[in-house]
């Protein structure tokens, strides 16, 4: 997992609450066994019409959304099933930060385990960001995990909270395997002293 410190990126806003994991990555695309390649199926039912043609009205298909790395949404983002494919699809598409007033717990946890930063702000702050995104397209935000600050170049700045352990893991690029490998010397010493793997 790559360390996450600071990201300045184009922000795209999806003005919907309760975006669930089946909307993020529909179930028919969960057959892959690797973690990559899910980005092309992100928001499949919104990105395309029933006949498969591109839905030009959907936010992610707008010209100003090209290359966006920060997603802005309404409350309860990532609800529904616990599929880890949802953050995989978002990350594969290019998103590294999701900003919303609230997240479903499992989705929130899965973001950190996959090197993404979910940022919780108040409903009022998120509403202000929606207005700013509409006014300043393409809209840039900077997420700084060192200072736990989200800001733009137009006077907006807000602090966000991240649990210290999760912050440590993101700043150092540590997933579950990376955390284990931090103790590799102790594991090797234990195995040696107990005749394991000899």
N, C-alpha and C. Protein backbone atom coordinates (compact mmCIF):
# COMPACT_ATOMS: atom_id res chain seq x y z
N UNK A 1 0.84 -1.18 0.00
CA UNK A 1 0.00 0.00 0.00
C UNK A 1 0.89 1.25 0.00
N UNK A 2 0.54 2.23 -0.81
CA UNK A 2 1.33 3.45 -0.89
C UNK A 2 0.99 4.37 0.29
N UNK A 3 1.99 5.06 0.83
CA UNK A 3 1.70 6.03 1.89
C UNK A 3 0.81 7.15 1.37
N UNK A 4 -0.04 7.65 2.23
CA UNK A 4 -0.89 8.80 1.91
C UNK A 4 -0.50 9.92 2.86
N UNK A 5 -0.04 11.03 2.30
CA UNK A 5 0.30 12.18 3.14
C UNK A 5 -0.58 13.38 2.77
N UNK A 6 -0.39 13.88 1.54
CA UNK A 6 -1.16 15.03 1.06
C UNK A 6 -1.59 14.78 -0.38
N UNK A 7 -2.81 15.14 -0.67
CA UNK A 7 -3.31 15.02 -2.04
C UNK A 7 -4.02 16.30 -2.43
N UNK A 8 -3.60 16.89 -3.54
CA UNK A 8 -4.34 17.99 -4.16
C UNK A 8 -4.90 17.45 -5.46
N UNK A 9 -6.21 17.51 -5.60
CA UNK A 9 -6.80 16.92 -6.79
C UNK A 9 -8.13 17.53 -7.17
N UNK A 10 -8.53 17.23 -8.39
CA UNK A 10 -9.84 17.66 -8.88
C UNK A 10 -10.93 16.93 -8.11
N UNK A 11 -11.95 17.66 -7.75
CA UNK A 11 -13.06 17.13 -6.97
C UNK A 11 -14.31 17.06 -7.82
N UNK A 12 -15.00 15.93 -7.78
CA UNK A 12 -16.28 15.80 -8.46
C UNK A 12 -17.34 15.48 -7.42
N UNK A 13 -18.49 16.12 -7.55
CA UNK A 13 -19.57 15.98 -6.57
C UNK A 13 -20.71 15.16 -7.15
N UNK A 14 -21.14 14.16 -6.38
CA UNK A 14 -22.33 13.39 -6.73
C UNK A 14 -23.39 13.72 -5.68
N UNK A 15 -24.39 14.46 -6.09
CA UNK A 15 -25.38 15.00 -5.14
C UNK A 15 -26.46 13.97 -4.82
N UNK A 16 -26.04 12.91 -4.12
CA UNK A 16 -26.96 11.85 -3.72
C UNK A 16 -26.57 11.37 -2.33
N UNK A 17 -27.56 11.04 -1.53
CA UNK A 17 -27.33 10.40 -0.23
C UNK A 17 -27.54 8.90 -0.38
N UNK A 18 -27.03 8.15 0.58
CA UNK A 18 -27.25 6.69 0.64
C UNK A 18 -26.75 5.95 -0.61
N UNK A 19 -25.62 6.38 -1.14
CA UNK A 19 -25.03 5.67 -2.28
C UNK A 19 -24.49 4.35 -1.74
N UNK A 20 -25.06 3.24 -2.20
CA UNK A 20 -24.67 1.95 -1.63
C UNK A 20 -23.63 1.25 -2.50
N UNK A 21 -23.09 0.16 -1.96
CA UNK A 21 -21.99 -0.52 -2.64
C UNK A 21 -22.44 -1.18 -3.94
N UNK A 22 -23.72 -1.50 -4.08
CA UNK A 22 -24.20 -2.08 -5.33
C UNK A 22 -24.28 -1.02 -6.43
N UNK A 23 -24.44 0.23 -6.04
CA UNK A 23 -24.38 1.32 -7.02
C UNK A 23 -22.92 1.64 -7.36
N UNK A 24 -22.05 1.55 -6.36
CA UNK A 24 -20.63 1.82 -6.60
C UNK A 24 -20.04 0.77 -7.55
N UNK A 25 -20.28 -0.51 -7.26
CA UNK A 25 -19.80 -1.59 -8.12
C UNK A 25 -20.85 -2.70 -8.13
N UNK A 26 -21.69 -2.74 -9.17
CA UNK A 26 -22.78 -3.72 -9.23
C UNK A 26 -22.29 -5.17 -9.13
N UNK A 27 -23.15 -6.01 -8.58
CA UNK A 27 -22.79 -7.40 -8.25
C UNK A 27 -22.32 -8.22 -9.45
N UNK A 28 -22.78 -7.91 -10.66
CA UNK A 28 -22.39 -8.72 -11.82
C UNK A 28 -20.91 -8.57 -12.17
N UNK A 29 -20.23 -7.59 -11.54
CA UNK A 29 -18.81 -7.38 -11.83
C UNK A 29 -17.90 -7.88 -10.71
N UNK A 30 -18.43 -8.68 -9.81
CA UNK A 30 -17.65 -9.14 -8.66
C UNK A 30 -16.97 -10.48 -8.89
N UNK A 31 -16.97 -10.97 -10.11
CA UNK A 31 -16.42 -12.30 -10.40
C UNK A 31 -14.91 -12.32 -10.50
N UNK A 32 -14.29 -11.17 -10.64
CA UNK A 32 -12.84 -11.11 -10.75
C UNK A 32 -12.20 -11.50 -9.42
N UNK A 33 -11.03 -12.13 -9.48
CA UNK A 33 -10.36 -12.52 -8.24
C UNK A 33 -9.21 -11.58 -7.87
N UNK A 34 -8.76 -10.76 -8.82
CA UNK A 34 -7.72 -9.79 -8.51
C UNK A 34 -8.36 -8.47 -8.09
N UNK A 35 -7.55 -7.59 -7.49
CA UNK A 35 -8.07 -6.33 -6.97
C UNK A 35 -8.13 -5.23 -8.02
N UNK A 36 -7.49 -5.41 -9.14
CA UNK A 36 -7.44 -4.36 -10.16
C UNK A 36 -8.50 -4.58 -11.24
N UNK A 37 -8.75 -3.52 -11.99
CA UNK A 37 -9.66 -3.63 -13.13
C UNK A 37 -11.11 -3.34 -12.85
N UNK A 38 -11.42 -2.93 -11.62
CA UNK A 38 -12.83 -2.66 -11.28
C UNK A 38 -13.26 -1.24 -11.63
N UNK A 39 -12.29 -0.35 -11.88
CA UNK A 39 -12.62 1.05 -12.14
C UNK A 39 -13.54 1.27 -13.32
N UNK A 40 -13.40 0.44 -14.35
CA UNK A 40 -14.22 0.62 -15.55
C UNK A 40 -15.70 0.31 -15.29
N UNK A 41 -15.98 -0.36 -14.16
CA UNK A 41 -17.36 -0.72 -13.83
C UNK A 41 -17.95 0.17 -12.74
N UNK A 42 -17.18 1.17 -12.29
CA UNK A 42 -17.63 2.06 -11.23
C UNK A 42 -18.93 2.78 -11.63
N UNK A 43 -19.90 2.78 -10.74
CA UNK A 43 -21.20 3.44 -10.98
C UNK A 43 -21.78 3.07 -12.35
N UNK A 44 -21.66 1.81 -12.69
CA UNK A 44 -22.02 1.31 -14.02
C UNK A 44 -23.42 1.75 -14.45
N UNK A 45 -24.40 1.61 -13.57
CA UNK A 45 -25.79 1.91 -13.93
C UNK A 45 -26.05 3.40 -14.10
N UNK A 46 -25.18 4.23 -13.56
CA UNK A 46 -25.32 5.68 -13.71
C UNK A 46 -24.43 6.20 -14.85
N UNK A 47 -23.32 5.55 -15.07
CA UNK A 47 -22.37 6.00 -16.11
C UNK A 47 -22.89 5.73 -17.52
N UNK A 48 -23.76 4.72 -17.64
CA UNK A 48 -24.23 4.30 -18.96
C UNK A 48 -25.74 4.18 -19.00
N UNK A 49 -26.28 4.33 -20.21
CA UNK A 49 -27.69 4.08 -20.43
C UNK A 49 -27.91 2.58 -20.54
N UNK A 50 -29.17 2.16 -20.56
CA UNK A 50 -29.49 0.72 -20.67
C UNK A 50 -28.90 0.08 -21.92
N UNK A 51 -28.73 0.87 -22.99
CA UNK A 51 -28.18 0.31 -24.23
C UNK A 51 -26.64 0.31 -24.24
N UNK A 52 -26.01 0.73 -23.12
CA UNK A 52 -24.57 0.70 -23.00
C UNK A 52 -23.86 1.98 -23.41
N UNK A 53 -24.61 2.93 -23.98
CA UNK A 53 -23.98 4.19 -24.37
C UNK A 53 -23.72 5.05 -23.13
N UNK A 54 -22.75 5.95 -23.24
CA UNK A 54 -22.35 6.80 -22.11
C UNK A 54 -23.46 7.78 -21.76
N UNK A 55 -23.75 7.90 -20.47
CA UNK A 55 -24.72 8.87 -19.97
C UNK A 55 -23.99 10.19 -19.74
N UNK A 56 -24.10 11.10 -20.68
CA UNK A 56 -23.37 12.36 -20.62
C UNK A 56 -23.81 13.25 -19.47
N UNK A 57 -24.98 12.97 -18.89
CA UNK A 57 -25.50 13.79 -17.80
C UNK A 57 -24.95 13.39 -16.44
N UNK A 58 -24.37 12.19 -16.34
CA UNK A 58 -23.85 11.76 -15.05
C UNK A 58 -22.58 12.53 -14.71
N UNK A 59 -22.44 12.89 -13.45
CA UNK A 59 -21.37 13.78 -13.00
C UNK A 59 -19.97 13.32 -13.42
N UNK A 60 -19.68 12.04 -13.30
CA UNK A 60 -18.34 11.55 -13.61
C UNK A 60 -18.01 11.57 -15.10
N UNK A 61 -19.05 11.72 -15.94
CA UNK A 61 -18.84 11.79 -17.38
C UNK A 61 -18.69 13.23 -17.89
N UNK A 62 -18.81 14.19 -17.01
CA UNK A 62 -18.66 15.59 -17.42
C UNK A 62 -17.19 15.91 -17.67
N UNK A 63 -16.89 16.79 -18.62
CA UNK A 63 -15.49 17.13 -18.92
C UNK A 63 -14.70 17.61 -17.72
N UNK A 64 -15.34 18.37 -16.81
CA UNK A 64 -14.62 18.91 -15.66
C UNK A 64 -14.26 17.83 -14.63
N UNK A 65 -14.84 16.65 -14.77
CA UNK A 65 -14.56 15.56 -13.82
C UNK A 65 -13.37 14.71 -14.25
N UNK A 66 -12.86 14.95 -15.43
CA UNK A 66 -11.75 14.12 -15.94
C UNK A 66 -10.55 14.17 -14.99
N UNK A 67 -10.07 12.99 -14.63
CA UNK A 67 -8.90 12.89 -13.76
C UNK A 67 -9.17 13.19 -12.30
N UNK A 68 -10.44 13.25 -11.90
CA UNK A 68 -10.77 13.57 -10.50
C UNK A 68 -10.21 12.51 -9.56
N UNK A 69 -9.72 12.96 -8.41
CA UNK A 69 -9.19 12.05 -7.39
C UNK A 69 -9.87 12.21 -6.04
N UNK A 70 -10.79 13.19 -5.95
CA UNK A 70 -11.55 13.42 -4.72
C UNK A 70 -13.03 13.40 -5.06
N UNK A 71 -13.78 12.58 -4.33
CA UNK A 71 -15.21 12.43 -4.55
C UNK A 71 -15.97 13.05 -3.39
N UNK A 72 -16.94 13.86 -3.71
CA UNK A 72 -17.79 14.54 -2.72
C UNK A 72 -19.19 13.96 -2.82
N UNK A 73 -19.76 13.54 -1.69
CA UNK A 73 -21.10 12.93 -1.70
C UNK A 73 -21.87 13.32 -0.45
N UNK A 74 -23.10 12.90 -0.41
CA UNK A 74 -23.96 13.17 0.75
C UNK A 74 -23.84 12.04 1.78
N UNK A 75 -24.69 12.09 2.78
CA UNK A 75 -24.57 11.20 3.96
C UNK A 75 -24.74 9.71 3.60
N UNK A 76 -24.20 8.88 4.49
CA UNK A 76 -24.33 7.42 4.45
C UNK A 76 -23.74 6.82 3.17
N UNK A 77 -22.57 7.32 2.79
CA UNK A 77 -21.90 6.80 1.59
C UNK A 77 -21.37 5.40 1.87
N UNK A 78 -21.55 4.49 0.91
CA UNK A 78 -21.01 3.14 1.03
C UNK A 78 -21.87 2.19 1.83
N UNK A 79 -23.15 2.48 1.93
CA UNK A 79 -24.06 1.59 2.67
C UNK A 79 -24.30 0.31 1.85
N UNK A 80 -25.04 -0.62 2.43
CA UNK A 80 -25.35 -1.85 1.71
C UNK A 80 -24.39 -2.96 2.09
N UNK A 81 -24.10 -3.83 1.14
CA UNK A 81 -23.28 -5.01 1.43
C UNK A 81 -21.84 -4.61 1.74
N UNK A 82 -21.11 -5.54 2.32
CA UNK A 82 -19.76 -5.24 2.82
C UNK A 82 -18.66 -5.43 1.79
N UNK A 83 -18.99 -5.52 0.53
CA UNK A 83 -18.00 -5.85 -0.50
C UNK A 83 -16.81 -4.88 -0.51
N UNK A 84 -15.62 -5.48 -0.41
CA UNK A 84 -14.40 -4.69 -0.46
C UNK A 84 -14.13 -4.19 -1.87
N UNK A 85 -14.87 -4.74 -2.83
CA UNK A 85 -14.72 -4.31 -4.22
C UNK A 85 -15.09 -2.83 -4.39
N UNK A 86 -15.91 -2.27 -3.49
CA UNK A 86 -16.32 -0.87 -3.63
C UNK A 86 -15.13 0.08 -3.54
N UNK A 87 -14.31 0.02 -2.47
CA UNK A 87 -13.12 0.88 -2.48
C UNK A 87 -12.13 0.49 -3.58
N UNK A 88 -12.06 -0.79 -3.93
CA UNK A 88 -11.19 -1.20 -5.04
C UNK A 88 -11.58 -0.48 -6.32
N UNK A 89 -12.89 -0.42 -6.60
CA UNK A 89 -13.37 0.23 -7.83
C UNK A 89 -13.11 1.73 -7.80
N UNK A 90 -13.37 2.36 -6.66
CA UNK A 90 -13.12 3.80 -6.54
C UNK A 90 -11.64 4.12 -6.74
N UNK A 91 -10.78 3.35 -6.09
CA UNK A 91 -9.34 3.57 -6.19
C UNK A 91 -8.82 3.29 -7.60
N UNK A 92 -9.33 2.24 -8.21
CA UNK A 92 -8.91 1.89 -9.57
C UNK A 92 -9.33 2.95 -10.57
N UNK A 93 -10.44 3.62 -10.31
CA UNK A 93 -10.92 4.70 -11.17
C UNK A 93 -10.06 5.96 -11.00
N UNK A 94 -9.44 6.09 -9.80
CA UNK A 94 -8.59 7.25 -9.54
C UNK A 94 -8.88 8.01 -8.27
N UNK A 95 -9.95 7.63 -7.57
CA UNK A 95 -10.30 8.33 -6.33
C UNK A 95 -9.46 7.83 -5.17
N UNK A 96 -8.88 8.77 -4.43
CA UNK A 96 -8.12 8.43 -3.22
C UNK A 96 -8.74 9.04 -1.97
N UNK A 97 -9.65 10.00 -2.16
CA UNK A 97 -10.33 10.65 -1.04
C UNK A 97 -11.83 10.69 -1.33
N UNK A 98 -12.63 10.38 -0.31
CA UNK A 98 -14.08 10.54 -0.40
C UNK A 98 -14.50 11.41 0.77
N UNK A 99 -15.26 12.46 0.48
CA UNK A 99 -15.73 13.40 1.50
C UNK A 99 -17.24 13.29 1.60
N UNK A 100 -17.74 13.08 2.81
CA UNK A 100 -19.18 12.97 3.03
C UNK A 100 -19.48 13.25 4.50
N UNK A 101 -20.74 13.52 4.83
CA UNK A 101 -21.08 13.73 6.25
C UNK A 101 -21.01 12.44 7.07
N UNK A 102 -21.24 11.30 6.43
CA UNK A 102 -21.18 10.02 7.15
C UNK A 102 -20.96 8.90 6.15
N UNK A 103 -20.44 7.79 6.67
CA UNK A 103 -20.14 6.61 5.87
C UNK A 103 -20.70 5.38 6.56
N UNK A 104 -21.02 4.35 5.79
CA UNK A 104 -21.33 3.06 6.37
C UNK A 104 -20.05 2.52 7.01
N UNK A 105 -20.17 1.90 8.18
CA UNK A 105 -19.00 1.50 8.97
C UNK A 105 -18.04 0.59 8.21
N UNK A 106 -18.56 -0.45 7.57
CA UNK A 106 -17.68 -1.41 6.90
C UNK A 106 -16.97 -0.76 5.73
N UNK A 107 -17.69 0.03 4.95
CA UNK A 107 -17.05 0.74 3.84
C UNK A 107 -15.95 1.67 4.37
N UNK A 108 -16.24 2.39 5.44
CA UNK A 108 -15.28 3.32 6.05
C UNK A 108 -14.00 2.58 6.42
N UNK A 109 -14.14 1.43 7.09
CA UNK A 109 -12.98 0.63 7.48
C UNK A 109 -12.22 0.11 6.26
N UNK A 110 -12.96 -0.33 5.24
CA UNK A 110 -12.32 -0.87 4.03
C UNK A 110 -11.50 0.19 3.30
N UNK A 111 -11.93 1.44 3.36
CA UNK A 111 -11.16 2.51 2.72
C UNK A 111 -9.75 2.57 3.30
N UNK A 112 -9.64 2.60 4.61
CA UNK A 112 -8.34 2.69 5.26
C UNK A 112 -7.47 1.48 4.93
N UNK A 113 -8.09 0.31 4.86
CA UNK A 113 -7.33 -0.92 4.57
C UNK A 113 -6.82 -0.95 3.12
N UNK A 114 -7.36 -0.06 2.29
CA UNK A 114 -6.97 -0.03 0.88
C UNK A 114 -6.32 1.28 0.46
N UNK A 115 -5.83 2.04 1.43
CA UNK A 115 -5.05 3.23 1.12
C UNK A 115 -5.84 4.45 0.73
N UNK A 116 -7.15 4.44 1.00
CA UNK A 116 -8.00 5.60 0.69
C UNK A 116 -8.33 6.35 1.96
N UNK A 117 -8.57 7.65 1.83
CA UNK A 117 -8.91 8.49 2.98
C UNK A 117 -10.37 8.93 2.90
N UNK A 118 -11.24 8.38 3.78
CA UNK A 118 -12.61 8.87 3.87
C UNK A 118 -12.65 10.02 4.89
N UNK A 119 -13.17 11.15 4.49
CA UNK A 119 -13.21 12.33 5.36
C UNK A 119 -14.65 12.65 5.73
N UNK A 120 -14.92 12.69 7.03
CA UNK A 120 -16.24 13.07 7.53
C UNK A 120 -16.23 14.54 7.90
N UNK A 121 -17.17 15.29 7.31
CA UNK A 121 -17.39 16.68 7.67
C UNK A 121 -18.86 16.86 8.02
N UNK A 122 -19.20 17.98 8.59
CA UNK A 122 -20.60 18.24 8.94
C UNK A 122 -21.44 18.41 7.68
N UNK A 123 -22.75 18.26 7.84
CA UNK A 123 -23.67 18.47 6.71
C UNK A 123 -23.49 19.89 6.15
N UNK A 124 -23.28 20.87 7.02
CA UNK A 124 -23.13 22.26 6.59
C UNK A 124 -21.84 22.45 5.80
N UNK A 125 -20.76 21.84 6.26
CA UNK A 125 -19.49 21.94 5.53
C UNK A 125 -19.57 21.26 4.17
N UNK A 126 -20.23 20.11 4.13
CA UNK A 126 -20.38 19.40 2.86
C UNK A 126 -21.24 20.21 1.90
N UNK A 127 -22.29 20.81 2.41
CA UNK A 127 -23.14 21.66 1.57
C UNK A 127 -22.32 22.82 0.99
N UNK A 128 -21.47 23.42 1.81
CA UNK A 128 -20.62 24.51 1.32
C UNK A 128 -19.68 24.01 0.21
N UNK A 129 -19.15 22.81 0.39
CA UNK A 129 -18.26 22.25 -0.64
C UNK A 129 -19.01 21.99 -1.94
N UNK A 130 -20.27 21.53 -1.85
CA UNK A 130 -21.08 21.33 -3.05
C UNK A 130 -21.25 22.66 -3.80
N UNK A 131 -21.51 23.72 -3.06
CA UNK A 131 -21.69 25.02 -3.69
C UNK A 131 -20.39 25.52 -4.32
N UNK A 132 -19.28 25.30 -3.63
CA UNK A 132 -17.99 25.71 -4.16
C UNK A 132 -17.60 24.89 -5.39
N UNK A 133 -17.89 23.60 -5.35
CA UNK A 133 -17.58 22.75 -6.50
C UNK A 133 -18.34 23.21 -7.74
N UNK A 134 -19.60 23.60 -7.56
CA UNK A 134 -20.42 24.07 -8.68
C UNK A 134 -19.93 25.41 -9.23
N UNK A 135 -19.34 26.22 -8.37
CA UNK A 135 -18.90 27.56 -8.75
C UNK A 135 -17.51 27.58 -9.39
N UNK A 136 -16.63 26.68 -8.98
CA UNK A 136 -15.22 26.76 -9.36
C UNK A 136 -14.73 25.58 -10.20
N UNK A 137 -15.57 25.03 -11.03
CA UNK A 137 -15.18 23.86 -11.81
C UNK A 137 -14.10 24.18 -12.84
N UNK A 138 -13.08 23.32 -13.00
CA UNK A 138 -12.81 22.14 -12.17
C UNK A 138 -12.31 22.55 -10.78
N UNK A 139 -12.90 21.98 -9.77
CA UNK A 139 -12.67 22.38 -8.38
C UNK A 139 -11.56 21.55 -7.76
N UNK A 140 -10.60 22.23 -7.17
CA UNK A 140 -9.47 21.55 -6.53
C UNK A 140 -9.60 21.62 -5.00
N UNK A 141 -9.34 20.49 -4.36
CA UNK A 141 -9.24 20.42 -2.91
C UNK A 141 -7.88 19.81 -2.55
N UNK A 142 -7.41 20.16 -1.36
CA UNK A 142 -6.19 19.55 -0.82
C UNK A 142 -6.54 18.87 0.48
N UNK A 143 -6.26 17.57 0.54
CA UNK A 143 -6.44 16.79 1.77
C UNK A 143 -5.05 16.55 2.35
N UNK A 144 -4.80 17.08 3.53
CA UNK A 144 -3.51 16.96 4.20
C UNK A 144 -3.68 16.10 5.44
N UNK A 145 -3.16 14.87 5.37
CA UNK A 145 -3.31 13.95 6.50
C UNK A 145 -2.34 14.29 7.62
N UNK A 146 -1.26 15.00 7.32
CA UNK A 146 -0.33 15.42 8.37
C UNK A 146 -1.02 16.37 9.35
N UNK A 147 -1.79 17.30 8.81
CA UNK A 147 -2.47 18.29 9.66
C UNK A 147 -3.96 18.00 9.82
N UNK A 148 -4.44 16.96 9.15
CA UNK A 148 -5.88 16.61 9.16
C UNK A 148 -6.72 17.82 8.76
N UNK A 149 -6.35 18.40 7.61
CA UNK A 149 -7.03 19.59 7.10
C UNK A 149 -7.45 19.38 5.66
N UNK A 150 -8.66 19.80 5.33
CA UNK A 150 -9.16 19.81 3.96
C UNK A 150 -9.35 21.27 3.57
N UNK A 151 -8.76 21.69 2.43
CA UNK A 151 -8.83 23.10 2.05
C UNK A 151 -8.90 23.24 0.53
N UNK A 152 -9.30 24.44 0.12
CA UNK A 152 -9.28 24.78 -1.31
C UNK A 152 -8.50 26.08 -1.48
N UNK A 153 -8.42 26.58 -2.66
CA UNK A 153 -7.70 27.83 -2.91
C UNK A 153 -8.61 29.05 -2.85
N UNK A 154 -9.80 28.89 -2.27
CA UNK A 154 -10.79 29.96 -2.26
C UNK A 154 -11.27 30.29 -0.85
N UNK A 155 -10.45 29.97 0.15
CA UNK A 155 -10.78 30.36 1.52
C UNK A 155 -11.42 29.30 2.39
N UNK A 156 -11.70 28.12 1.84
CA UNK A 156 -12.28 27.06 2.65
C UNK A 156 -11.18 26.27 3.34
N UNK A 157 -11.37 25.99 4.63
CA UNK A 157 -10.45 25.12 5.37
C UNK A 157 -11.24 24.48 6.51
N UNK A 158 -11.09 23.17 6.64
CA UNK A 158 -11.80 22.45 7.69
C UNK A 158 -10.91 21.34 8.24
N UNK A 159 -10.96 21.17 9.54
CA UNK A 159 -10.26 20.07 10.19
C UNK A 159 -11.13 18.83 10.13
N UNK A 160 -10.49 17.67 10.00
CA UNK A 160 -11.22 16.41 10.07
C UNK A 160 -10.50 15.48 11.03
N UNK A 161 -11.21 14.50 11.54
CA UNK A 161 -10.65 13.58 12.51
C UNK A 161 -10.37 12.22 11.88
N UNK A 162 -9.23 11.65 12.24
CA UNK A 162 -8.87 10.29 11.87
C UNK A 162 -8.26 9.66 13.11
N UNK A 163 -8.71 8.47 13.45
CA UNK A 163 -8.14 7.78 14.60
C UNK A 163 -6.63 7.66 14.44
N UNK A 164 -5.87 7.85 15.50
CA UNK A 164 -4.39 7.85 15.40
C UNK A 164 -3.81 6.60 14.73
N UNK A 165 -4.35 5.42 15.06
CA UNK A 165 -3.81 4.19 14.46
C UNK A 165 -4.04 4.17 12.95
N UNK A 166 -5.24 4.54 12.52
CA UNK A 166 -5.55 4.56 11.09
C UNK A 166 -4.70 5.61 10.38
N UNK A 167 -4.51 6.74 11.02
CA UNK A 167 -3.68 7.80 10.45
C UNK A 167 -2.24 7.30 10.30
N UNK A 168 -1.71 6.65 11.32
CA UNK A 168 -0.36 6.08 11.26
C UNK A 168 -0.23 5.11 10.09
N UNK A 169 -1.21 4.24 9.93
CA UNK A 169 -1.17 3.24 8.85
C UNK A 169 -1.18 3.91 7.48
N UNK A 170 -2.05 4.90 7.28
CA UNK A 170 -2.11 5.58 5.99
C UNK A 170 -0.83 6.36 5.70
N UNK A 171 -0.35 7.10 6.70
CA UNK A 171 0.85 7.90 6.49
C UNK A 171 2.06 7.04 6.14
N UNK A 172 2.07 5.81 6.65
CA UNK A 172 3.21 4.92 6.43
C UNK A 172 2.94 3.83 5.40
N UNK A 173 1.76 3.85 4.79
CA UNK A 173 1.44 2.87 3.76
C UNK A 173 1.37 1.46 4.29
N UNK A 174 0.78 1.29 5.46
CA UNK A 174 0.73 -0.02 6.11
C UNK A 174 -0.67 -0.64 6.03
N UNK A 175 -0.80 -1.71 5.27
CA UNK A 175 -2.01 -2.51 5.33
C UNK A 175 -1.78 -3.61 6.38
N UNK A 176 -2.69 -4.58 6.46
CA UNK A 176 -2.55 -5.63 7.49
C UNK A 176 -1.24 -6.40 7.34
N UNK A 177 -0.84 -6.67 6.10
CA UNK A 177 0.41 -7.39 5.87
C UNK A 177 1.60 -6.51 6.26
N UNK A 178 1.56 -5.25 5.90
CA UNK A 178 2.63 -4.33 6.25
C UNK A 178 2.80 -4.19 7.75
N UNK A 179 1.66 -4.16 8.47
CA UNK A 179 1.72 -4.09 9.94
C UNK A 179 2.40 -5.31 10.51
N UNK A 180 2.09 -6.47 9.96
CA UNK A 180 2.71 -7.71 10.42
C UNK A 180 4.21 -7.70 10.15
N UNK A 181 4.59 -7.22 8.96
CA UNK A 181 6.00 -7.22 8.59
C UNK A 181 6.83 -6.23 9.41
N UNK A 182 6.17 -5.27 10.06
CA UNK A 182 6.90 -4.40 10.98
C UNK A 182 7.53 -5.19 12.12
N UNK A 183 6.98 -6.36 12.39
CA UNK A 183 7.46 -7.21 13.49
C UNK A 183 8.19 -8.44 12.96
N UNK A 184 8.70 -8.35 11.74
CA UNK A 184 9.32 -9.51 11.10
C UNK A 184 10.50 -10.06 11.90
N UNK A 185 11.33 -9.17 12.46
CA UNK A 185 12.49 -9.63 13.23
C UNK A 185 12.05 -10.43 14.45
N UNK A 186 11.00 -9.97 15.14
CA UNK A 186 10.50 -10.68 16.32
C UNK A 186 9.85 -12.01 15.92
N UNK A 187 9.16 -12.01 14.80
CA UNK A 187 8.54 -13.25 14.32
C UNK A 187 9.61 -14.28 13.98
N UNK A 188 10.65 -13.82 13.28
CA UNK A 188 11.76 -14.72 12.91
C UNK A 188 12.46 -15.26 14.16
N UNK A 189 12.68 -14.39 15.14
CA UNK A 189 13.33 -14.82 16.39
C UNK A 189 12.49 -15.86 17.11
N UNK A 190 11.17 -15.64 17.14
CA UNK A 190 10.27 -16.60 17.78
C UNK A 190 10.30 -17.94 17.05
N UNK A 191 10.20 -17.88 15.72
CA UNK A 191 10.22 -19.12 14.94
C UNK A 191 11.53 -19.89 15.15
N UNK A 192 12.65 -19.15 15.17
CA UNK A 192 13.95 -19.78 15.37
C UNK A 192 14.03 -20.44 16.75
N UNK A 193 13.58 -19.71 17.79
CA UNK A 193 13.68 -20.25 19.15
C UNK A 193 12.74 -21.42 19.40
N UNK A 194 11.73 -21.58 18.56
CA UNK A 194 10.77 -22.67 18.73
C UNK A 194 10.90 -23.75 17.64
N UNK A 195 11.95 -23.63 16.82
CA UNK A 195 12.19 -24.63 15.80
C UNK A 195 11.15 -24.66 14.70
N UNK A 196 10.49 -23.53 14.47
CA UNK A 196 9.46 -23.44 13.44
C UNK A 196 10.11 -23.08 12.11
N UNK A 197 9.75 -23.78 11.08
CA UNK A 197 10.25 -23.46 9.75
C UNK A 197 11.68 -23.89 9.50
N UNK A 198 12.23 -24.69 10.41
CA UNK A 198 13.61 -25.15 10.25
C UNK A 198 13.65 -26.44 9.49
